Amino acid sequence: MLINGIEVQITRKFVKHLRLGIHPPDGRVRITAPWFVTNTQIKRLLVSKLSWIEEKQAAFRLRPPATVQAFVSGETHYVQGQAHQLKIIDSTSRARVFIEEPATLVMAVPATTSQSEREAILNAWYRCELKKRIAPFIDKWESTMQVQVLEWRIKKMKTRWGTCNAQARRIWLSLELAKKSDACLEYVVVHEMVHFFERHHNDRFKALMDGFLPGWRIDKNALNGSC
């Protein structure tokens, strides 16, 4: 069934109630319905839930892509939207991470450092670098929107680039954004701050995004690509 351009998979079973679910990885809409419920009734339910469905699907589109890495020399790791080749070098001093031209991400660690320890070291470096990049965007958009972010933090997230608590004026941003360009990072910051004015991804939310960041759709589309 197609409702307002949204494809819906319907399964009929011997159940008592309609069950509506949004499923990963792409936000597919599925309904389990009793045999006695008509298609008209199902359509009525879907129309009433369209805003909720679109919001859930948007959350899936914003989720960071899953990657599996071993944190060994030769791997590709992204920094600010640019691909870098990881180079592990032996060091007897304190572990450190730095950029070496051309496009090399160097991790100097003791030879006995485990994979999980290398991952933690790189994530700590990512976190530090990301903090430096977020702060100016927060300052910029607080002034532009005339709203204050009372707290913002970086968090490892499996399914979102960012989230916010509008009432508390709190924003959480994914650590994965350290790998993304400034344009993508700014889009997520603005996206979460606009939720201070509008909770849902509805027409008002889109109009606010258009007003504050006219090119946001380009950044949104790029976010899960090479941005």
C-alpha atoms as a PDB file:
ATOM      1  CA  MET A   1       0.000   0.000   0.000  1.00  0.00           C
ATOM      2  CA  LEU A   2       1.248   3.503  -0.892  1.00  0.00           C
ATOM      3  CA  ILE A   3       0.227   6.345   1.450  1.00  0.00           C
ATOM      4  CA  ASN A   4       1.413   9.888   0.641  1.00  0.00           C
ATOM      5  CA  GLY A   5       4.389   8.445  -1.186  1.00  0.00           C
ATOM      6  CA  ILE A   6       5.311   6.103   1.670  1.00  0.00           C
ATOM      7  CA  GLU A   7       5.403   2.388   0.869  1.00  0.00           C
ATOM      8  CA  VAL A   8       3.748   0.301   3.573  1.00  0.00           C
ATOM      9  CA  GLN A   9       4.046  -3.473   3.959  1.00  0.00           C
ATOM     10  CA  ILE A  10       0.889  -5.032   5.393  1.00  0.00           C
ATOM     11  CA  THR A  11       0.768  -8.475   6.986  1.00  0.00           C
ATOM     12  CA  ARG A  12      -2.522  -9.961   8.166  1.00  0.00           C
ATOM     13  CA  LYS A  13      -2.520 -12.340  11.122  1.00  0.00           C
ATOM     14  CA  PHE A  14      -4.777 -13.633  13.861  1.00  0.00           C
ATOM     15  CA  VAL A  15      -4.028 -10.734  16.203  1.00  0.00           C
ATOM     16  CA  LYS A  16      -6.355  -8.469  18.175  1.00  0.00           C
ATOM     17  CA  HIS A  17      -4.883  -5.063  17.344  1.00  0.00           C
ATOM     18  CA  LEU A  18      -3.127  -3.171  14.579  1.00  0.00           C
ATOM     19  CA  ARG A  19       0.640  -2.978  15.024  1.00  0.00           C
ATOM     20  CA  LEU A  20       2.611  -0.232  13.298  1.00  0.00           C
ATOM     21  CA  GLY A  21       6.407  -0.383  13.166  1.00  0.00           C
ATOM     22  CA  ILE A  22       9.268   1.513  11.519  1.00  0.00           C
ATOM     23  CA  HIS A  23      12.196  -0.792  10.838  1.00  0.00           C
ATOM     24  CA  PRO A  24      15.927  -0.397  10.096  1.00  0.00           C
ATOM     25  CA  PRO A  25      17.993   0.162   8.132  1.00  0.00           C
ATOM     26  CA  ASP A  26      15.916   2.461   5.923  1.00  0.00           C
ATOM     27  CA  GLY A  27      12.824   3.145   8.009  1.00  0.00           C
ATOM     28  CA  ARG A  28      10.568   0.668   6.268  1.00  0.00           C
ATOM     29  CA  VAL A  29       6.943   0.873   7.408  1.00  0.00           C
ATOM     30  CA  ARG A  30       5.238  -2.378   8.360  1.00  0.00           C
ATOM     31  CA  ILE A  31       1.765  -3.038   9.705  1.00  0.00           C
ATOM     32  CA  THR A  32       0.460  -6.242  11.232  1.00  0.00           C
ATOM     33  CA  ALA A  33      -3.329  -6.195  11.042  1.00  0.00           C
ATOM     34  CA  PRO A  34      -6.173  -8.458  12.172  1.00  0.00           C
ATOM     35  CA  TRP A  35      -8.145 -10.075   9.361  1.00  0.00           C
ATOM     36  CA  PHE A  36     -11.270  -8.121  10.241  1.00  0.00           C
ATOM     37  CA  VAL A  37      -9.658  -4.688   9.800  1.00  0.00           C
ATOM     38  CA  THR A  38     -10.316  -3.160   6.385  1.00  0.00           C
ATOM     39  CA  ASN A  39      -7.806  -1.421   4.125  1.00  0.00           C
ATOM     40  CA  THR A  40      -9.736   1.803   4.655  1.00  0.00           C
ATOM     41  CA  GLN A  41      -9.219   1.548   8.411  1.00  0.00           C
ATOM     42  CA  ILE A  42      -5.520   0.849   7.909  1.00  0.00           C
ATOM     43  CA  LYS A  43      -5.208   3.845   5.612  1.00  0.00           C
ATOM     44  CA  ARG A  44      -6.956   6.046   8.165  1.00  0.00           C
ATOM     45  CA  LEU A  45      -4.469   4.964  10.834  1.00  0.00           C
ATOM     46  CA  LEU A  46      -1.500   5.649   8.574  1.00  0.00           C
ATOM     47  CA  VAL A  47      -2.736   9.121   7.629  1.00  0.00           C
ATOM     48  CA  SER A  48      -3.137   9.975  11.320  1.00  0.00           C
ATOM     49  CA  LYS A  49       0.422   8.800  12.002  1.00  0.00           C
ATOM     50  CA  LEU A  50       2.164  10.406   9.017  1.00  0.00           C
ATOM     51  CA  SER A  51       4.071  12.997  11.045  1.00  0.00           C
ATOM     52  CA  TRP A  52       5.296  10.330  13.453  1.00  0.00           C
ATOM     53  CA  ILE A  53       6.293   8.025  10.568  1.00  0.00           C
ATOM     54  CA  GLU A  54       8.222  10.783   8.793  1.00  0.00           C
ATOM     55  CA  GLU A  55      10.002  11.722  12.018  1.00  0.00           C
ATOM     56  CA  LYS A  56      11.070   8.130  12.644  1.00  0.00           C
ATOM     57  CA  GLN A  57      12.223   7.695   9.045  1.00  0.00           C
ATOM     58  CA  ALA A  58      14.229  10.917   9.297  1.00  0.00           C
ATOM     59  CA  ALA A  59      15.967   9.482  12.357  1.00  0.00           C
ATOM     60  CA  PHE A  60      17.041   6.432  10.347  1.00  0.00           C
ATOM     61  CA  ARG A  61      18.354   8.643   7.543  1.00  0.00           C
ATOM     62  CA  LEU A  62      20.415  10.578  10.096  1.00  0.00           C
ATOM     63  CA  ARG A  63      22.029   7.533  11.613  1.00  0.00           C
ATOM     64  CA  PRO A  64      25.814   7.184  11.223  1.00  0.00           C
ATOM     65  CA  PRO A  65      26.895   4.370   8.927  1.00  0.00           C
ATOM     66  CA  ALA A  66      28.256   1.273  10.649  1.00  0.00           C
ATOM     67  CA  THR A  67      31.923   0.498   9.988  1.00  0.00           C
ATOM     68  CA  VAL A  68      34.213  -2.284  11.158  1.00  0.00           C
ATOM     69  CA  GLN A  69      37.853  -1.361  11.570  1.00  0.00           C
ATOM     70  CA  ALA A  70      40.916  -3.013  13.064  1.00  0.00           C
ATOM     71  CA  PHE A  71      42.940   0.184  13.673  1.00  0.00           C
ATOM     72  CA  VAL A  72      45.997  -1.026  11.781  1.00  0.00           C
ATOM     73  CA  SER A  73      48.319   0.692   9.321  1.00  0.00           C
ATOM     74  CA  GLY A  74      46.872   1.117   5.853  1.00  0.00           C
ATOM     75  CA  GLU A  75      43.248   1.568   6.910  1.00  0.00           C
ATOM     76  CA  THR A  76      41.298   4.584   5.734  1.00  0.00           C
ATOM     77  CA  HIS A  77      39.998   6.878   8.447  1.00  0.00           C
ATOM     78  CA  TYR A  78      38.190  10.173   7.866  1.00  0.00           C
ATOM     79  CA  VAL A  79      39.034  13.502   9.458  1.00  0.00           C
ATOM     80  CA  GLN A  80      36.848  16.544   8.722  1.00  0.00           C
ATOM     81  CA  GLY A  81      35.442  14.919   5.602  1.00  0.00           C
ATOM     82  CA  GLN A  82      38.817  13.941   4.140  1.00  0.00           C
ATOM     83  CA  ALA A  83      40.149  10.399   3.792  1.00  0.00           C
ATOM     84  CA  HIS A  84      43.424   9.719   5.612  1.00  0.00           C
ATOM     85  CA  GLN A  85      45.554   6.607   5.659  1.00  0.00           C
ATOM     86  CA  LEU A  86      46.264   5.379   9.165  1.00  0.00           C
ATOM     87  CA  LYS A  87      49.915   4.801  10.046  1.00  0.00           C
ATOM     88  CA  ILE A  88      50.813   3.115  13.329  1.00  0.00           C
ATOM     89  CA  ILE A  89      54.324   3.829  14.572  1.00  0.00           C
ATOM     90  CA  ASP A  90      56.078   2.461  17.628  1.00  0.00           C
ATOM     91  CA  SER A  91      56.634   4.866  20.485  1.00  0.00           C
ATOM     92  CA  THR A  92      57.987   4.429  23.980  1.00  0.00           C
ATOM     93  CA  SER A  93      56.534   7.729  25.158  1.00  0.00           C
ATOM     94  CA  ARG A  94      52.952   8.864  25.702  1.00  0.00           C
ATOM     95  CA  ALA A  95      50.497   7.830  22.968  1.00  0.00           C
ATOM     96  CA  ARG A  96      49.643  10.593  20.532  1.00  0.00           C
ATOM     97  CA  VAL A  97      47.785  11.135  17.260  1.00  0.00           C
ATOM     98  CA  PHE A  98      48.600  13.735  14.609  1.00  0.00           C
ATOM     99  CA  ILE A  99      48.145  14.538  10.926  1.00  0.00           C
ATOM    100  CA  GLU A 100      51.102  14.088   8.619  1.00  0.00           C
ATOM    101  CA  GLU A 101      50.966  15.277   5.038  1.00  0.00           C
ATOM    102  CA  PRO A 102      49.915  14.079   2.586  1.00  0.00           C
ATOM    103  CA  ALA A 103      46.668  12.834   4.162  1.00  0.00           C
ATOM    104  CA  THR A 104      48.204  10.509   6.729  1.00  0.00           C
ATOM    105  CA  LEU A 105      46.770   9.987  10.198  1.00  0.00           C
ATOM    106  CA  VAL A 106      49.619   8.933  12.455  1.00  0.00           C
ATOM    107  CA  MET A 107      49.152   7.108  15.743  1.00  0.00           C
ATOM    108  CA  ALA A 108      52.294   6.816  17.842  1.00  0.00           C
ATOM    109  CA  VAL A 109      51.775   4.092  20.443  1.00  0.00           C
ATOM    110  CA  PRO A 110      53.752   1.341  22.195  1.00  0.00           C
ATOM    111  CA  ALA A 111      54.013  -1.859  20.175  1.00  0.00           C
ATOM    112  CA  THR A 112      52.031  -3.737  22.831  1.00  0.00           C
ATOM    113  CA  THR A 113      48.954  -1.495  22.462  1.00  0.00           C
ATOM    114  CA  SER A 114      45.870  -3.612  21.760  1.00  0.00           C
ATOM    115  CA  GLN A 115      43.253  -2.958  19.086  1.00  0.00           C
ATOM    116  CA  SER A 116      40.728  -1.736  21.645  1.00  0.00           C
ATOM    117  CA  GLU A 117      43.332   0.587  23.170  1.00  0.00           C
ATOM    118  CA  ARG A 118      44.186   2.022  19.744  1.00  0.00           C
ATOM    119  CA  GLU A 119      40.503   2.613  19.107  1.00  0.00           C
ATOM    120  CA  ALA A 120      40.134   4.407  22.449  1.00  0.00           C
ATOM    121  CA  ILE A 121      43.195   6.564  21.755  1.00  0.00           C
ATOM    122  CA  LEU A 122      41.895   7.591  18.333  1.00  0.00           C
ATOM    123  CA  ASN A 123      38.425   8.307  19.704  1.00  0.00           C
ATOM    124  CA  ALA A 124      39.910  10.504  22.421  1.00  0.00           C
ATOM    125  CA  TRP A 125      41.756  12.475  19.741  1.00  0.00           C
ATOM    126  CA  TYR A 126      38.594  12.718  17.631  1.00  0.00           C
ATOM    127  CA  ARG A 127      36.678  14.009  20.657  1.00  0.00           C
ATOM    128  CA  CYS A 128      39.261  16.689  21.388  1.00  0.00           C
ATOM    129  CA  GLU A 129      39.343  17.860  17.772  1.00  0.00           C
ATOM    130  CA  LEU A 130      35.550  17.856  17.495  1.00  0.00           C
ATOM    131  CA  LYS A 131      35.142  19.999  20.609  1.00  0.00           C
ATOM    132  CA  LYS A 132      37.283  22.682  18.993  1.00  0.00           C
ATOM    133  CA  ARG A 133      35.058  22.676  15.903  1.00  0.00           C
ATOM    134  CA  ILE A 134      31.660  22.600  17.645  1.00  0.00           C
ATOM    135  CA  ALA A 135      32.131  25.577  19.962  1.00  0.00           C
ATOM    136  CA  PRO A 136      32.331  28.249  17.199  1.00  0.00           C
ATOM    137  CA  PHE A 137      29.190  26.895  15.524  1.00  0.00           C
ATOM    138  CA  ILE A 138      27.263  26.963  18.797  1.00  0.00           C
ATOM    139  CA  ASP A 139      28.348  30.567  19.402  1.00  0.00           C
ATOM    140  CA  LYS A 140      27.429  31.568  15.848  1.00  0.00           C
ATOM    141  CA  TRP A 141      23.951  30.054  15.886  1.00  0.00           C
ATOM    142  CA  GLU A 142      23.106  31.162  19.402  1.00  0.00           C
ATOM    143  CA  SER A 143      23.592  34.708  18.165  1.00  0.00           C
ATOM    144  CA  THR A 144      21.725  34.125  14.904  1.00  0.00           C
ATOM    145  CA  MET A 145      18.765  32.293  16.447  1.00  0.00           C
ATOM    146  CA  GLN A 146      18.704  34.355  19.625  1.00  0.00           C
ATOM    147  CA  VAL A 147      18.582  31.226  21.743  1.00  0.00           C
ATOM    148  CA  GLN A 148      21.011  29.790  24.275  1.00  0.00           C
ATOM    149  CA  VAL A 149      22.386  26.261  24.379  1.00  0.00           C
ATOM    150  CA  LEU A 150      22.767  25.626  28.087  1.00  0.00           C
ATOM    151  CA  GLU A 151      24.733  22.419  27.595  1.00  0.00           C
ATOM    152  CA  TRP A 152      26.259  20.480  24.725  1.00  0.00           C
ATOM    153  CA  ARG A 153      28.210  17.256  24.812  1.00  0.00           C
ATOM    154  CA  ILE A 154      29.794  14.699  22.525  1.00  0.00           C
ATOM    155  CA  LYS A 155      28.590  11.142  22.752  1.00  0.00           C
ATOM    156  CA  LYS A 156      29.152   7.875  20.922  1.00  0.00           C
ATOM    157  CA  MET A 157      25.884   7.183  19.142  1.00  0.00           C
ATOM    158  CA  LYS A 158      24.962   4.149  17.102  1.00  0.00           C
ATOM    159  CA  THR A 159      21.822   5.468  15.429  1.00  0.00           C
ATOM    160  CA  ARG A 160      21.887   9.280  15.430  1.00  0.00           C
ATOM    161  CA  TRP A 161      24.103  12.184  14.436  1.00  0.00           C
ATOM    162  CA  GLY A 162      22.613  14.307  17.152  1.00  0.00           C
ATOM    163  CA  THR A 163      19.774  14.703  19.598  1.00  0.00           C
ATOM    164  CA  CYS A 164      18.427  17.417  21.847  1.00  0.00           C
ATOM    165  CA  ASN A 165      16.318  18.157  24.871  1.00  0.00           C
ATOM    166  CA  ALA A 166      14.512  21.355  23.932  1.00  0.00           C
ATOM    167  CA  GLN A 167      13.181  22.015  27.412  1.00  0.00           C
ATOM    168  CA  ALA A 168      16.627  21.717  29.001  1.00  0.00           C
ATOM    169  CA  ARG A 169      18.315  23.456  26.030  1.00  0.00           C
ATOM    170  CA  ARG A 170      20.728  20.535  25.837  1.00  0.00           C
ATOM    171  CA  ILE A 171      22.362  19.118  22.705  1.00  0.00           C
ATOM    172  CA  TRP A 172      24.214  15.845  22.236  1.00  0.00           C
ATOM    173  CA  LEU A 173      26.344  15.380  19.121  1.00  0.00           C
ATOM    174  CA  SER A 174      27.744  12.144  17.753  1.00  0.00           C
ATOM    175  CA  LEU A 175      31.464  11.514  18.015  1.00  0.00           C
ATOM    176  CA  GLU A 176      31.259  10.315  14.391  1.00  0.00           C
ATOM    177  CA  LEU A 177      30.877  13.948  13.326  1.00  0.00           C
ATOM    178  CA  ALA A 178      34.624  14.337  13.871  1.00  0.00           C
ATOM    179  CA  LYS A 179      34.960  12.448  10.596  1.00  0.00           C
ATOM    180  CA  LYS A 180      32.605  14.796   8.736  1.00  0.00           C
ATOM    181  CA  SER A 181      33.189  18.156   7.075  1.00  0.00           C
ATOM    182  CA  ASP A 182      32.409  21.505   8.651  1.00  0.00           C
ATOM    183  CA  ALA A 183      29.347  21.837   6.402  1.00  0.00           C
ATOM    184  CA  CYS A 184      27.917  18.564   7.694  1.00  0.00           C
ATOM    185  CA  LEU A 185      28.776  19.404  11.292  1.00  0.00           C
ATOM    186  CA  GLU A 186      27.141  22.817  11.032  1.00  0.00           C
ATOM    187  CA  TYR A 187      24.007  21.260   9.526  1.00  0.00           C
ATOM    188  CA  VAL A 188      23.621  18.908  12.490  1.00  0.00           C
ATOM    189  CA  VAL A 189      24.205  21.714  15.000  1.00  0.00           C
ATOM    190  CA  VAL A 190      21.575  23.878  13.307  1.00  0.00           C
ATOM    191  CA  HIS A 191      19.192  20.928  12.962  1.00  0.00           C
ATOM    192  CA  GLU A 192      19.298  20.231  16.689  1.00  0.00           C
ATOM    193  CA  MET A 193      19.027  23.884  17.656  1.00  0.00           C
ATOM    194  CA  VAL A 194      15.979  24.345  15.424  1.00  0.00           C
ATOM    195  CA  HIS A 195      14.331  21.641  17.523  1.00  0.00           C
ATOM    196  CA  PHE A 196      14.322  24.224  20.325  1.00  0.00           C
ATOM    197  CA  PHE A 197      11.604  25.957  18.294  1.00  0.00           C
ATOM    198  CA  GLU A 198       9.908  22.927  16.726  1.00  0.00           C
ATOM    199  CA  ARG A 199      10.008  19.397  18.071  1.00  0.00           C
ATOM    200  CA  HIS A 200       8.848  17.546  14.941  1.00  0.00           C
ATOM    201  CA  HIS A 201      10.257  17.326  11.410  1.00  0.00           C
ATOM    202  CA  ASN A 202       7.172  19.002   9.989  1.00  0.00           C
ATOM    203  CA  ASP A 203       6.620  21.885   7.545  1.00  0.00           C
ATOM    204  CA  ARG A 204       7.340  24.474  10.235  1.00  0.00           C
ATOM    205  CA  PHE A 205      10.642  22.778  11.057  1.00  0.00           C
ATOM    206  CA  LYS A 206      11.617  22.759   7.363  1.00  0.00           C
ATOM    207  CA  ALA A 207      10.641  26.406   6.989  1.00  0.00           C
ATOM    208  CA  LEU A 208      12.828  27.330   9.962  1.00  0.00           C
ATOM    209  CA  MET A 209      15.718  25.350   8.480  1.00  0.00           C
ATOM    210  CA  ASP A 210      15.207  27.144   5.161  1.00  0.00           C
ATOM    211  CA  GLY A 211      15.361  30.483   6.919  1.00  0.00           C
ATOM    212  CA  PHE A 212      18.467  29.777   8.958  1.00  0.00           C
ATOM    213  CA  LEU A 213      20.435  27.501   6.617  1.00  0.00           C
ATOM    214  CA  PRO A 214      19.077  27.637   3.029  1.00  0.00           C
ATOM    215  CA  GLY A 215      21.466  24.954   1.744  1.00  0.00           C
ATOM    216  CA  TRP A 216      20.663  22.453   4.499  1.00  0.00           C
ATOM    217  CA  ARG A 217      19.184  19.859   2.144  1.00  0.00           C
ATOM    218  CA  ILE A 218      22.494  19.554   0.302  1.00  0.00           C
ATOM    219  CA  ASP A 219      24.342  19.034   3.570  1.00  0.00           C
ATOM    220  CA  LYS A 220      21.724  16.548   4.756  1.00  0.00           C
ATOM    221  CA  ASN A 221      22.080  14.480   1.577  1.00  0.00           C
ATOM    222  CA  ALA A 222      25.861  14.591   1.842  1.00  0.00           C
ATOM    223  CA  LEU A 223      25.939  13.615   5.520  1.00  0.00           C
ATOM    224  CA  ASN A 224      25.757   9.876   4.854  1.00  0.00           C
ATOM    225  CA  GLY A 225      28.057  10.105   1.861  1.00  0.00           C
ATOM    226  CA  SER A 226      31.545  11.538   1.542  1.00  0.00           C
ATOM    227  CA  CYS A 227      30.758  14.787   3.395  1.00  0.00           C
END
